[in-house]
PDB file of N, CA and C in Angstrom:
ATOM      1  N   MET A   1      -4.066 -11.567  -1.925  1.00  0.00           N
ATOM      2  CA  MET A   1      -4.717 -10.968  -3.016  1.00  0.00           C
ATOM      3  C   MET A   1      -5.467 -12.197  -3.860  1.00  0.00           C
ATOM      4  N   SER A   2      -6.520 -11.822  -4.241  1.00  0.00           N
ATOM      5  CA  SER A   2      -7.295 -13.103  -4.878  1.00  0.00           C
ATOM      6  C   SER A   2      -6.706 -13.205  -6.395  1.00  0.00           C
ATOM      7  N   ASP A   3      -6.797 -14.389  -6.686  1.00  0.00           N
ATOM      8  CA  ASP A   3      -6.251 -14.710  -7.945  1.00  0.00           C
ATOM      9  C   ASP A   3      -7.033 -14.084  -9.104  1.00  0.00           C
ATOM     10  N   GLN A   4      -8.440 -13.870  -8.876  1.00  0.00           N
ATOM     11  CA  GLN A   4      -9.251 -13.161  -9.728  1.00  0.00           C
ATOM     12  C   GLN A   4      -8.862 -11.736 -10.063  1.00  0.00           C
ATOM     13  N   LEU A   5      -8.585 -11.155  -9.166  1.00  0.00           N
ATOM     14  CA  LEU A   5      -8.230  -9.730  -9.017  1.00  0.00           C
ATOM     15  C   LEU A   5      -6.904  -9.622 -10.016  1.00  0.00           C
ATOM     16  N   LEU A   6      -5.897 -10.452  -9.410  1.00  0.00           N
ATOM     17  CA  LEU A   6      -4.377 -10.360 -10.199  1.00  0.00           C
ATOM     18  C   LEU A   6      -4.647 -10.757 -11.605  1.00  0.00           C
ATOM     19  N   ALA A   7      -5.574 -11.641 -12.205  1.00  0.00           N
ATOM     20  CA  ALA A   7      -5.515 -12.094 -13.556  1.00  0.00           C
ATOM     21  C   ALA A   7      -6.185 -10.859 -14.196  1.00  0.00           C
ATOM     22  N   ARG A   8      -7.297 -10.180 -13.375  1.00  0.00           N
ATOM     23  CA  ARG A   8      -8.021  -8.939 -13.959  1.00  0.00           C
ATOM     24  C   ARG A   8      -6.836  -7.936 -14.470  1.00  0.00           C
ATOM     25  N   LEU A   9      -5.941  -7.662 -13.365  1.00  0.00           N
ATOM     26  CA  LEU A   9      -5.032  -6.561 -13.533  1.00  0.00           C
ATOM     27  C   LEU A   9      -4.019  -6.991 -14.608  1.00  0.00           C
ATOM     28  N   ARG A  10      -3.580  -8.181 -14.615  1.00  0.00           N
ATOM     29  CA  ARG A  10      -2.702  -8.805 -15.795  1.00  0.00           C
ATOM     30  C   ARG A  10      -3.488  -8.598 -17.003  1.00  0.00           C
ATOM     31  N   GLN A  11      -4.687  -8.852 -17.128  1.00  0.00           N
ATOM     32  CA  GLN A  11      -5.491  -8.719 -18.511  1.00  0.00           C
ATOM     33  C   GLN A  11      -5.472  -7.243 -18.801  1.00  0.00           C
ATOM     34  N   PHE A  12      -5.592  -6.546 -17.822  1.00  0.00           N
ATOM     35  CA  PHE A  12      -5.700  -4.841 -18.321  1.00  0.00           C
ATOM     36  C   PHE A  12      -4.426  -4.502 -18.738  1.00  0.00           C
ATOM     37  N   VAL A  13      -3.167  -4.879 -18.184  1.00  0.00           N
ATOM     38  CA  VAL A  13      -1.875  -4.260 -18.457  1.00  0.00           C
ATOM     39  C   VAL A  13      -1.675  -5.008 -19.819  1.00  0.00           C
ATOM     40  N   ASN A  14      -1.844  -6.148 -20.159  1.00  0.00           N
ATOM     41  CA  ASN A  14      -1.768  -6.997 -21.401  1.00  0.00           C
ATOM     42  C   ASN A  14      -2.376  -6.191 -22.521  1.00  0.00           C
ATOM     43  N   ASP A  15      -3.725  -6.108 -22.136  1.00  0.00           N
ATOM     44  CA  ASP A  15      -4.483  -5.636 -23.326  1.00  0.00           C
ATOM     45  C   ASP A  15      -3.871  -4.116 -23.894  1.00  0.00           C
ATOM     46  N   ARG A  16      -3.343  -3.441 -22.990  1.00  0.00           N
ATOM     47  CA  ARG A  16      -2.841  -1.961 -23.310  1.00  0.00           C
ATOM     48  C   ARG A  16      -1.377  -2.055 -23.710  1.00  0.00           C
ATOM     49  N   ASP A  17      -0.889  -3.362 -23.735  1.00  0.00           N
ATOM     50  CA  ASP A  17       0.511  -3.501 -24.072  1.00  0.00           C
ATOM     51  C   ASP A  17       1.663  -2.605 -23.143  1.00  0.00           C
ATOM     52  N   TRP A  18       1.224  -2.656 -21.956  1.00  0.00           N
ATOM     53  CA  TRP A  18       1.925  -1.929 -20.691  1.00  0.00           C
ATOM     54  C   TRP A  18       3.024  -2.610 -20.222  1.00  0.00           C
ATOM     55  N   GLU A  19       2.962  -3.897 -20.373  1.00  0.00           N
ATOM     56  CA  GLU A  19       4.127  -4.466 -19.521  1.00  0.00           C
ATOM     57  C   GLU A  19       5.526  -4.203 -19.793  1.00  0.00           C
ATOM     58  N   GLN A  20       5.772  -3.547 -21.101  1.00  0.00           N
ATOM     59  CA  GLN A  20       7.041  -3.080 -21.429  1.00  0.00           C
ATOM     60  C   GLN A  20       7.458  -1.944 -20.469  1.00  0.00           C
ATOM     61  N   PHE A  21       6.434  -1.239 -19.809  1.00  0.00           N
ATOM     62  CA  PHE A  21       6.762  -0.068 -18.969  1.00  0.00           C
ATOM     63  C   PHE A  21       6.798  -0.413 -17.518  1.00  0.00           C
ATOM     64  N   HIS A  22       6.423  -1.619 -17.290  1.00  0.00           N
ATOM     65  CA  HIS A  22       6.430  -2.227 -15.885  1.00  0.00           C
ATOM     66  C   HIS A  22       7.504  -2.963 -15.338  1.00  0.00           C
ATOM     67  N   ASP A  23       8.762  -2.357 -15.439  1.00  0.00           N
ATOM     68  CA  ASP A  23       9.813  -2.962 -14.944  1.00  0.00           C
ATOM     69  C   ASP A  23       9.644  -2.647 -13.206  1.00  0.00           C
ATOM     70  N   PRO A  24      10.570  -3.352 -12.370  1.00  0.00           N
ATOM     71  CA  PRO A  24      10.603  -3.068 -10.881  1.00  0.00           C
ATOM     72  C   PRO A  24      10.770  -1.550 -10.634  1.00  0.00           C
ATOM     73  N   LYS A  25      11.896  -1.069 -11.628  1.00  0.00           N
ATOM     74  CA  LYS A  25      12.176   0.548 -11.066  1.00  0.00           C
ATOM     75  C   LYS A  25      10.902   1.218 -11.394  1.00  0.00           C
ATOM     76  N   ASN A  26      10.203   0.961 -12.388  1.00  0.00           N
ATOM     77  CA  ASN A  26       9.325   2.151 -12.824  1.00  0.00           C
ATOM     78  C   ASN A  26       7.887   1.817 -11.899  1.00  0.00           C
ATOM     79  N   LEU A  27       7.802   0.586 -11.556  1.00  0.00           N
ATOM     80  CA  LEU A  27       6.545   0.331 -10.791  1.00  0.00           C
ATOM     81  C   LEU A  27       6.773   0.900  -9.180  1.00  0.00           C
ATOM     82  N   SER A  28       7.987   0.767  -8.686  1.00  0.00           N
ATOM     83  CA  SER A  28       8.235   1.160  -7.331  1.00  0.00           C
ATOM     84  C   SER A  28       8.217   2.768  -7.272  1.00  0.00           C
ATOM     85  N   MET A  29       8.587   3.472  -8.636  1.00  0.00           N
ATOM     86  CA  MET A  29       8.555   4.690  -8.686  1.00  0.00           C
ATOM     87  C   MET A  29       6.971   5.187  -8.743  1.00  0.00           C
ATOM     88  N   ALA A  30       6.290   4.382  -9.567  1.00  0.00           N
ATOM     89  CA  ALA A  30       4.767   4.714  -9.620  1.00  0.00           C
ATOM     90  C   ALA A  30       4.068   4.718  -8.148  1.00  0.00           C
ATOM     91  N   LEU A  31       4.662   3.423  -7.578  1.00  0.00           N
ATOM     92  CA  LEU A  31       4.118   3.353  -6.410  1.00  0.00           C
ATOM     93  C   LEU A  31       4.286   4.370  -5.107  1.00  0.00           C
ATOM     94  N   ALA A  32       5.373   4.791  -5.235  1.00  0.00           N
ATOM     95  CA  ALA A  32       5.831   6.018  -4.381  1.00  0.00           C
ATOM     96  C   ALA A  32       4.918   7.413  -4.755  1.00  0.00           C
ATOM     97  N   ALA A  33       4.890   7.664  -6.094  1.00  0.00           N
ATOM     98  CA  ALA A  33       3.853   8.619  -6.632  1.00  0.00           C
ATOM     99  C   ALA A  33       2.638   8.685  -6.155  1.00  0.00           C
ATOM    100  N   GLU A  34       2.040   7.416  -6.214  1.00  0.00           N
ATOM    101  CA  GLU A  34       0.626   7.203  -5.821  1.00  0.00           C
ATOM    102  C   GLU A  34       0.480   7.466  -4.173  1.00  0.00           C
ATOM    103  N   VAL A  35       1.449   6.809  -3.395  1.00  0.00           N
ATOM    104  CA  VAL A  35       1.499   7.121  -2.156  1.00  0.00           C
ATOM    105  C   VAL A  35       1.653   8.645  -1.753  1.00  0.00           C
ATOM    106  N   GLY A  36       2.338   9.342  -2.534  1.00  0.00           N
ATOM    107  CA  GLY A  36       2.529  10.893  -2.382  1.00  0.00           C
ATOM    108  C   GLY A  36       1.088  11.407  -2.760  1.00  0.00           C
ATOM    109  N   GLU A  37       0.170  10.953  -3.676  1.00  0.00           N
ATOM    110  CA  GLU A  37      -0.994  11.512  -4.072  1.00  0.00           C
ATOM    111  C   GLU A  37      -1.893  11.101  -2.744  1.00  0.00           C
ATOM    112  N   LEU A  38      -1.772  10.024  -2.186  1.00  0.00           N
ATOM    113  CA  LEU A  38      -2.698   9.683  -1.061  1.00  0.00           C
ATOM    114  C   LEU A  38      -2.289  10.574   0.376  1.00  0.00           C
ATOM    115  N   LEU A  39      -1.006  10.678   0.518  1.00  0.00           N
ATOM    116  CA  LEU A  39      -0.464  11.629   1.427  1.00  0.00           C
ATOM    117  C   LEU A  39      -1.091  13.100   1.444  1.00  0.00           C
ATOM    118  N   ALA A  40      -1.227  13.615   0.060  1.00  0.00           N
ATOM    119  CA  ALA A  40      -1.735  14.787  -0.147  1.00  0.00           C
ATOM    120  C   ALA A  40      -3.321  14.989   0.362  1.00  0.00           C
ATOM    121  N   CYS A  41      -3.983  13.844   0.331  1.00  0.00           N
ATOM    122  CA  CYS A  41      -5.223  13.945   0.764  1.00  0.00           C
ATOM    123  C   CYS A  41      -5.488  14.232   2.185  1.00  0.00           C
ATOM    124  N   PHE A  42      -4.331  13.871   2.873  1.00  0.00           N
ATOM    125  CA  PHE A  42      -4.259  14.012   4.362  1.00  0.00           C
ATOM    126  C   PHE A  42      -3.483  15.130   4.789  1.00  0.00           C
ATOM    127  N   ARG A  43      -2.928  16.027   3.999  1.00  0.00           N
ATOM    128  CA  ARG A  43      -1.776  17.003   4.356  1.00  0.00           C
ATOM    129  C   ARG A  43      -2.691  18.181   5.145  1.00  0.00           C
ATOM    130  N   TRP A  44      -2.164  18.467   6.081  1.00  0.00           N
ATOM    131  CA  TRP A  44      -2.729  19.733   6.994  1.00  0.00           C
ATOM    132  C   TRP A  44      -4.162  19.477   7.940  1.00  0.00           C
ATOM    133  N   LEU A  45      -4.505  17.917   7.689  1.00  0.00           N
ATOM    134  CA  LEU A  45      -5.617  17.699   8.555  1.00  0.00           C
ATOM    135  C   LEU A  45      -5.395  17.311   9.998  1.00  0.00           C
ATOM    136  N   THR A  46      -5.988  17.570  10.828  1.00  0.00           N
ATOM    137  CA  THR A  46      -5.921  17.490  12.403  1.00  0.00           C
ATOM    138  C   THR A  46      -6.130  15.773  12.479  1.00  0.00           C
ATOM    139  N   PRO A  47      -5.541  15.288  13.499  1.00  0.00           N
ATOM    140  CA  PRO A  47      -6.136  13.803  13.606  1.00  0.00           C
ATOM    141  C   PRO A  47      -7.316  13.512  13.637  1.00  0.00           C
ATOM    142  N   PRO A  48      -8.027  14.146  14.197  1.00  0.00           N
ATOM    143  CA  PRO A  48      -9.613  13.987  14.200  1.00  0.00           C
ATOM    144  C   PRO A  48     -10.337  14.014  12.695  1.00  0.00           C
ATOM    145  N   GLU A  49      -9.713  14.922  12.106  1.00  0.00           N
ATOM    146  CA  GLU A  49     -10.037  15.276  10.558  1.00  0.00           C
ATOM    147  C   GLU A  49      -9.832  14.145   9.839  1.00  0.00           C
ATOM    148  N   SER A  50      -8.573  13.649  10.024  1.00  0.00           N
ATOM    149  CA  SER A  50      -8.220  12.615   9.087  1.00  0.00           C
ATOM    150  C   SER A  50      -8.926  11.267   9.342  1.00  0.00           C
ATOM    151  N   GLU A  51      -9.494  11.100  10.659  1.00  0.00           N
ATOM    152  CA  GLU A  51     -10.224  10.047  11.150  1.00  0.00           C
ATOM    153  C   GLU A  51     -11.641   9.927  10.263  1.00  0.00           C
ATOM    154  N   ASP A  52     -12.207  11.216  10.107  1.00  0.00           N
ATOM    155  CA  ASP A  52     -13.350  11.372   9.356  1.00  0.00           C
ATOM    156  C   ASP A  52     -13.200  11.574   7.949  1.00  0.00           C
ATOM    157  N   ILE A  53     -12.179  11.504   7.307  1.00  0.00           N
ATOM    158  CA  ILE A  53     -11.955  11.816   5.859  1.00  0.00           C
ATOM    159  C   ILE A  53     -13.016  10.979   4.965  1.00  0.00           C
ATOM    160  N   LEU A  54     -13.605  10.031   5.341  1.00  0.00           N
ATOM    161  CA  LEU A  54     -14.233   8.947   4.388  1.00  0.00           C
ATOM    162  C   LEU A  54     -15.692   9.386   4.676  1.00  0.00           C
ATOM    163  N   ARG A  55     -15.931  10.417   5.642  1.00  0.00           N
ATOM    164  CA  ARG A  55     -17.403  10.648   5.838  1.00  0.00           C
ATOM    165  C   ARG A  55     -17.778  11.855   5.022  1.00  0.00           C
ATOM    166  N   HIS A  56     -16.921  12.352   4.230  1.00  0.00           N
ATOM    167  CA  HIS A  56     -17.144  13.625   3.486  1.00  0.00           C
ATOM    168  C   HIS A  56     -17.088  13.252   1.954  1.00  0.00           C
ATOM    169  N   GLU A  57     -18.097  13.426   1.486  1.00  0.00           N
ATOM    170  CA  GLU A  57     -18.130  12.860  -0.273  1.00  0.00           C
ATOM    171  C   GLU A  57     -17.170  13.719  -1.040  1.00  0.00           C
ATOM    172  N   GLU A  58     -16.654  14.857  -0.582  1.00  0.00           N
ATOM    173  CA  GLU A  58     -15.795  15.462  -1.470  1.00  0.00           C
ATOM    174  C   GLU A  58     -14.204  14.914  -1.277  1.00  0.00           C
ATOM    175  N   THR A  59     -13.996  14.423  -0.171  1.00  0.00           N
ATOM    176  CA  THR A  59     -12.700  13.748   0.165  1.00  0.00           C
ATOM    177  C   THR A  59     -12.573  12.158  -0.129  1.00  0.00           C
ATOM    178  N   SER A  60     -13.800  11.444   0.207  1.00  0.00           N
ATOM    179  CA  SER A  60     -13.703  10.263   0.183  1.00  0.00           C
ATOM    180  C   SER A  60     -13.516   9.443  -1.009  1.00  0.00           C
ATOM    181  N   LYS A  61     -14.047  10.127  -2.217  1.00  0.00           N
ATOM    182  CA  LYS A  61     -13.983   9.690  -3.493  1.00  0.00           C
ATOM    183  C   LYS A  61     -12.426   9.553  -3.728  1.00  0.00           C
ATOM    184  N   ARG A  62     -11.766  10.767  -3.546  1.00  0.00           N
ATOM    185  CA  ARG A  62     -10.362  10.995  -3.970  1.00  0.00           C
ATOM    186  C   ARG A  62      -9.433   9.938  -3.146  1.00  0.00           C
ATOM    187  N   VAL A  63      -9.831   9.778  -1.635  1.00  0.00           N
ATOM    188  CA  VAL A  63      -8.921   8.880  -0.913  1.00  0.00           C
ATOM    189  C   VAL A  63      -9.003   7.408  -1.348  1.00  0.00           C
ATOM    190  N   LEU A  64     -10.247   6.972  -1.740  1.00  0.00           N
ATOM    191  CA  LEU A  64     -10.631   5.848  -2.138  1.00  0.00           C
ATOM    192  C   LEU A  64      -9.759   5.434  -3.434  1.00  0.00           C
ATOM    193  N   GLU A  65     -10.075   6.441  -4.391  1.00  0.00           N
ATOM    194  CA  GLU A  65      -9.102   6.311  -5.560  1.00  0.00           C
ATOM    195  C   GLU A  65      -7.662   6.108  -5.485  1.00  0.00           C
ATOM    196  N   GLU A  66      -7.187   6.820  -4.476  1.00  0.00           N
ATOM    197  CA  GLU A  66      -5.710   6.744  -4.243  1.00  0.00           C
ATOM    198  C   GLU A  66      -5.486   5.471  -3.563  1.00  0.00           C
ATOM    199  N   LEU A  67      -6.190   4.945  -2.631  1.00  0.00           N
ATOM    200  CA  LEU A  67      -5.879   3.910  -1.983  1.00  0.00           C
ATOM    201  C   LEU A  67      -5.829   2.754  -3.034  1.00  0.00           C
ATOM    202  N   GLY A  68      -6.906   2.783  -4.036  1.00  0.00           N
ATOM    203  CA  GLY A  68      -7.022   1.731  -5.256  1.00  0.00           C
ATOM    204  C   GLY A  68      -5.660   1.771  -6.043  1.00  0.00           C
ATOM    205  N   ASP A  69      -5.275   3.041  -6.397  1.00  0.00           N
ATOM    206  CA  ASP A  69      -3.963   3.180  -7.090  1.00  0.00           C
ATOM    207  C   ASP A  69      -2.856   2.623  -6.338  1.00  0.00           C
ATOM    208  N   VAL A  70      -2.528   2.798  -5.049  1.00  0.00           N
ATOM    209  CA  VAL A  70      -1.537   2.398  -4.388  1.00  0.00           C
ATOM    210  C   VAL A  70      -1.550   0.958  -4.250  1.00  0.00           C
ATOM    211  N   ALA A  71      -2.722   0.317  -4.157  1.00  0.00           N
ATOM    212  CA  ALA A  71      -2.925  -1.227  -4.033  1.00  0.00           C
ATOM    213  C   ALA A  71      -2.521  -1.842  -5.533  1.00  0.00           C
ATOM    214  N   ILE A  72      -2.973  -1.300  -6.411  1.00  0.00           N
ATOM    215  CA  ILE A  72      -2.725  -1.745  -7.930  1.00  0.00           C
ATOM    216  C   ILE A  72      -1.213  -1.612  -8.186  1.00  0.00           C
ATOM    217  N   CYS A  73      -0.508  -0.538  -7.890  1.00  0.00           N
ATOM    218  CA  CYS A  73       0.882  -0.337  -8.095  1.00  0.00           C
ATOM    219  C   CYS A  73       1.544  -1.575  -7.115  1.00  0.00           C
ATOM    220  N   LEU A  74       1.154  -1.671  -5.769  1.00  0.00           N
ATOM    221  CA  LEU A  74       1.833  -2.705  -5.052  1.00  0.00           C
ATOM    222  C   LEU A  74       1.605  -4.120  -5.544  1.00  0.00           C
ATOM    223  N   MET A  75       0.213  -4.272  -5.986  1.00  0.00           N
ATOM    224  CA  MET A  75       0.254  -5.521  -6.494  1.00  0.00           C
ATOM    225  C   MET A  75       0.869  -6.073  -7.895  1.00  0.00           C
ATOM    226  N   LYS A  76       0.926  -5.005  -8.763  1.00  0.00           N
ATOM    227  CA  LYS A  76       1.670  -5.147  -9.921  1.00  0.00           C
ATOM    228  C   LYS A  76       3.350  -5.242  -9.820  1.00  0.00           C
ATOM    229  N   LEU A  77       3.745  -4.598  -8.614  1.00  0.00           N
ATOM    230  CA  LEU A  77       4.980  -4.697  -8.361  1.00  0.00           C
ATOM    231  C   LEU A  77       5.398  -6.009  -7.877  1.00  0.00           C
ATOM    232  N   CYS A  78       4.665  -6.645  -6.910  1.00  0.00           N
ATOM    233  CA  CYS A  78       4.890  -7.936  -6.402  1.00  0.00           C
ATOM    234  C   CYS A  78       4.723  -8.972  -7.361  1.00  0.00           C
ATOM    235  N   ASP A  79       3.792  -8.769  -8.377  1.00  0.00           N
ATOM    236  CA  ASP A  79       3.741  -9.765  -9.374  1.00  0.00           C
ATOM    237  C   ASP A  79       4.946  -9.847 -10.174  1.00  0.00           C
ATOM    238  N   ARG A  80       5.283  -8.545 -10.638  1.00  0.00           N
ATOM    239  CA  ARG A  80       6.570  -8.706 -11.667  1.00  0.00           C
ATOM    240  C   ARG A  80       7.816  -9.185 -10.950  1.00  0.00           C
ATOM    241  N   LEU A  81       7.906  -9.186  -9.523  1.00  0.00           N
ATOM    242  CA  LEU A  81       8.962  -9.776  -8.974  1.00  0.00           C
ATOM    243  C   LEU A  81       8.761 -10.922  -8.483  1.00  0.00           C
ATOM    244  N   GLY A  82       7.767 -11.586  -8.844  1.00  0.00           N
ATOM    245  CA  GLY A  82       7.357 -13.154  -8.455  1.00  0.00           C
ATOM    246  C   GLY A  82       7.323 -13.127  -7.005  1.00  0.00           C
ATOM    247  N   VAL A  83       6.859 -12.241  -6.293  1.00  0.00           N
ATOM    248  CA  VAL A  83       6.645 -12.201  -4.825  1.00  0.00           C
ATOM    249  C   VAL A  83       5.100 -12.278  -4.428  1.00  0.00           C
ATOM    250  N   SER A  84       4.841 -13.225  -3.695  1.00  0.00           N
ATOM    251  CA  SER A  84       3.284 -13.150  -3.159  1.00  0.00           C
ATOM    252  C   SER A  84       3.164 -12.124  -1.899  1.00  0.00           C
ATOM    253  N   ILE A  85       2.333 -11.332  -2.146  1.00  0.00           N
ATOM    254  CA  ILE A  85       1.998 -10.072  -1.271  1.00  0.00           C
ATOM    255  C   ILE A  85       1.639 -10.740   0.181  1.00  0.00           C
ATOM    256  N   GLU A  86       0.851 -11.790  -0.003  1.00  0.00           N
ATOM    257  CA  GLU A  86       0.483 -12.326   1.417  1.00  0.00           C
ATOM    258  C   GLU A  86       1.302 -12.972   2.026  1.00  0.00           C
ATOM    259  N   GLU A  87       2.462 -13.695   1.358  1.00  0.00           N
ATOM    260  CA  GLU A  87       3.631 -14.094   2.149  1.00  0.00           C
ATOM    261  C   GLU A  87       4.555 -13.317   2.664  1.00  0.00           C
ATOM    262  N   VAL A  88       5.007 -12.081   1.850  1.00  0.00           N
ATOM    263  CA  VAL A  88       6.071 -11.107   2.299  1.00  0.00           C
ATOM    264  C   VAL A  88       5.280 -10.176   3.618  1.00  0.00           C
ATOM    265  N   ALA A  89       3.886 -10.008   3.579  1.00  0.00           N
ATOM    266  CA  ALA A  89       3.336  -9.493   4.541  1.00  0.00           C
ATOM    267  C   ALA A  89       3.120 -10.334   5.857  1.00  0.00           C
ATOM    268  N   SER A  90       2.856 -11.627   5.744  1.00  0.00           N
ATOM    269  CA  SER A  90       2.774 -12.357   6.832  1.00  0.00           C
ATOM    270  C   SER A  90       4.382 -12.520   7.288  1.00  0.00           C
ATOM    271  N   GLU A  91       5.322 -12.617   6.543  1.00  0.00           N
ATOM    272  CA  GLU A  91       6.670 -12.873   7.252  1.00  0.00           C
ATOM    273  C   GLU A  91       7.167 -11.592   7.790  1.00  0.00           C
ATOM    274  N   LYS A  92       6.753 -10.387   7.256  1.00  0.00           N
ATOM    275  CA  LYS A  92       7.128  -9.147   7.970  1.00  0.00           C
ATOM    276  C   LYS A  92       6.128  -8.975   9.336  1.00  0.00           C
ATOM    277  N   LEU A  93       4.927  -9.543   9.122  1.00  0.00           N
ATOM    278  CA  LEU A  93       4.316  -9.166  10.431  1.00  0.00           C
ATOM    279  C   LEU A  93       4.933 -10.201  11.686  1.00  0.00           C
ATOM    280  N   ALA A  94       5.286 -11.472  11.209  1.00  0.00           N
ATOM    281  CA  ALA A  94       6.065 -12.252  12.258  1.00  0.00           C
ATOM    282  C   ALA A  94       7.287 -11.711  12.666  1.00  0.00           C
ATOM    283  N   LEU A  95       8.122 -11.028  12.078  1.00  0.00           N
ATOM    284  CA  LEU A  95       9.333 -10.349  12.371  1.00  0.00           C
ATOM    285  C   LEU A  95       8.888  -9.176  13.272  1.00  0.00           C
ATOM    286  N   ASN A  96       7.800  -8.350  12.969  1.00  0.00           N
ATOM    287  CA  ASN A  96       7.420  -7.305  13.965  1.00  0.00           C
ATOM    288  C   ASN A  96       6.883  -7.889  15.022  1.00  0.00           C
ATOM    289  N   GLU A  97       6.195  -8.980  15.119  1.00  0.00           N
ATOM    290  CA  GLU A  97       5.721  -9.613  16.413  1.00  0.00           C
ATOM    291  C   GLU A  97       6.902  -9.921  17.375  1.00  0.00           C
ATOM    292  N   ALA A  98       7.887 -10.426  16.763  1.00  0.00           N
ATOM    293  CA  ALA A  98       9.240 -10.792  17.573  1.00  0.00           C
ATOM    294  C   ALA A  98       9.864  -9.477  18.008  1.00  0.00           C
ATOM    295  N   ARG A  99       9.912  -8.460  17.191  1.00  0.00           N
ATOM    296  CA  ARG A  99      10.758  -7.106  17.349  1.00  0.00           C
ATOM    297  C   ARG A  99       9.943  -6.274  18.425  1.00  0.00           C
ATOM    298  N   TYR A 100       8.645  -6.422  18.500  1.00  0.00           N
ATOM    299  CA  TYR A 100       7.709  -5.553  19.226  1.00  0.00           C
ATOM    300  C   TYR A 100       6.900  -6.414  20.149  1.00  0.00           C
ATOM    301  N   PRO A 101       7.681  -7.016  21.271  1.00  0.00           N
ATOM    302  CA  PRO A 101       6.717  -7.941  22.109  1.00  0.00           C
ATOM    303  C   PRO A 101       5.823  -7.028  22.807  1.00  0.00           C
ATOM    304  N   VAL A 102       4.646  -7.538  23.193  1.00  0.00           N
ATOM    305  CA  VAL A 102       3.467  -6.916  23.751  1.00  0.00           C
ATOM    306  C   VAL A 102       3.998  -6.178  24.938  1.00  0.00           C
ATOM    307  N   ASP A 103       4.788  -6.858  25.711  1.00  0.00           N
ATOM    308  CA  ASP A 103       4.989  -6.461  27.277  1.00  0.00           C
ATOM    309  C   ASP A 103       5.930  -5.207  27.127  1.00  0.00           C
ATOM    310  N   ARG A 104       6.481  -5.086  26.053  1.00  0.00           N
ATOM    311  CA  ARG A 104       7.650  -3.865  25.981  1.00  0.00           C
ATOM    312  C   ARG A 104       7.045  -2.848  24.879  1.00  0.00           C
ATOM    313  N   ALA A 105       6.181  -3.115  24.005  1.00  0.00           N
ATOM    314  CA  ALA A 105       5.720  -2.287  22.944  1.00  0.00           C
ATOM    315  C   ALA A 105       4.318  -1.700  23.167  1.00  0.00           C
ATOM    316  N   ARG A 106       3.529  -2.305  24.048  1.00  0.00           N
ATOM    317  CA  ARG A 106       2.107  -1.963  24.044  1.00  0.00           C
ATOM    318  C   ARG A 106       1.963  -0.348  24.399  1.00  0.00           C
ATOM    319  N   GLY A 107       1.356   0.352  23.645  1.00  0.00           N
ATOM    320  CA  GLY A 107       0.928   1.906  23.907  1.00  0.00           C
ATOM    321  C   GLY A 107       2.083   2.563  23.567  1.00  0.00           C
ATOM    322  N   ARG A 108       3.360   2.138  23.260  1.00  0.00           N
ATOM    323  CA  ARG A 108       4.488   3.061  22.832  1.00  0.00           C
ATOM    324  C   ARG A 108       4.705   3.004  21.309  1.00  0.00           C
ATOM    325  N   ALA A 109       5.107   4.197  20.969  1.00  0.00           N
ATOM    326  CA  ALA A 109       5.613   4.578  19.399  1.00  0.00           C
ATOM    327  C   ALA A 109       7.033   4.523  19.332  1.00  0.00           C
ATOM    328  N   THR A 110       7.635   3.384  19.780  1.00  0.00           N
ATOM    329  CA  THR A 110       9.258   3.501  19.904  1.00  0.00           C
ATOM    330  C   THR A 110       9.751   2.517  18.840  1.00  0.00           C
ATOM    331  N   LYS A 111      10.598   2.814  18.384  1.00  0.00           N
ATOM    332  CA  LYS A 111      11.212   1.912  17.217  1.00  0.00           C
ATOM    333  C   LYS A 111      11.801   0.609  17.988  1.00  0.00           C
ATOM    334  N   TYR A 112      11.928  -0.454  17.460  1.00  0.00           N
ATOM    335  CA  TYR A 112      12.088  -1.788  18.108  1.00  0.00           C
ATOM    336  C   TYR A 112      13.657  -1.659  18.788  1.00  0.00           C
ATOM    337  N   SER A 113      14.426  -1.049  18.280  1.00  0.00           N
ATOM    338  CA  SER A 113      15.797  -1.152  18.431  1.00  0.00           C
ATOM    339  C   SER A 113      15.838  -0.315  19.880  1.00  0.00           C
ATOM    340  N   ASP A 114      14.991   0.652  20.349  1.00  0.00           N
ATOM    341  CA  ASP A 114      14.913   1.550  21.438  1.00  0.00           C
ATOM    342  C   ASP A 114      14.060   0.916  22.560  1.00  0.00           C
ATOM    343  N   LEU A 115      13.263  -0.255  22.274  1.00  0.00           N
ATOM    344  CA  LEU A 115      12.426  -0.771  23.389  1.00  0.00           C
ATOM    345  C   LEU A 115      13.283  -1.149  24.588  1.00  0.00           C
TER     346      LEU A 115
END
């Protein structure tokens, strides 16, 4: 996450005195709510329709706004917890690389414990 974007987010929250509401519990709940709103954009679509969702003006604006909300909530939660989003994502990716070796996981949607 860019330092400039994080500084802008912190300033936005500070200017509105919202830090008091941004404890980890509330931020994680807000994140879940925003993910739910993103999911609603895709509800009942076929896989091909979901692939084309950004090609339609009426759906692309809403999807992009919801993605932005999810990103902002996740960034704010990581910031509040003092966690680097890049570091935790990198560590999780390394763990998944070990859990899902290419030779056993390629082309399979199977949980690592069942490979």
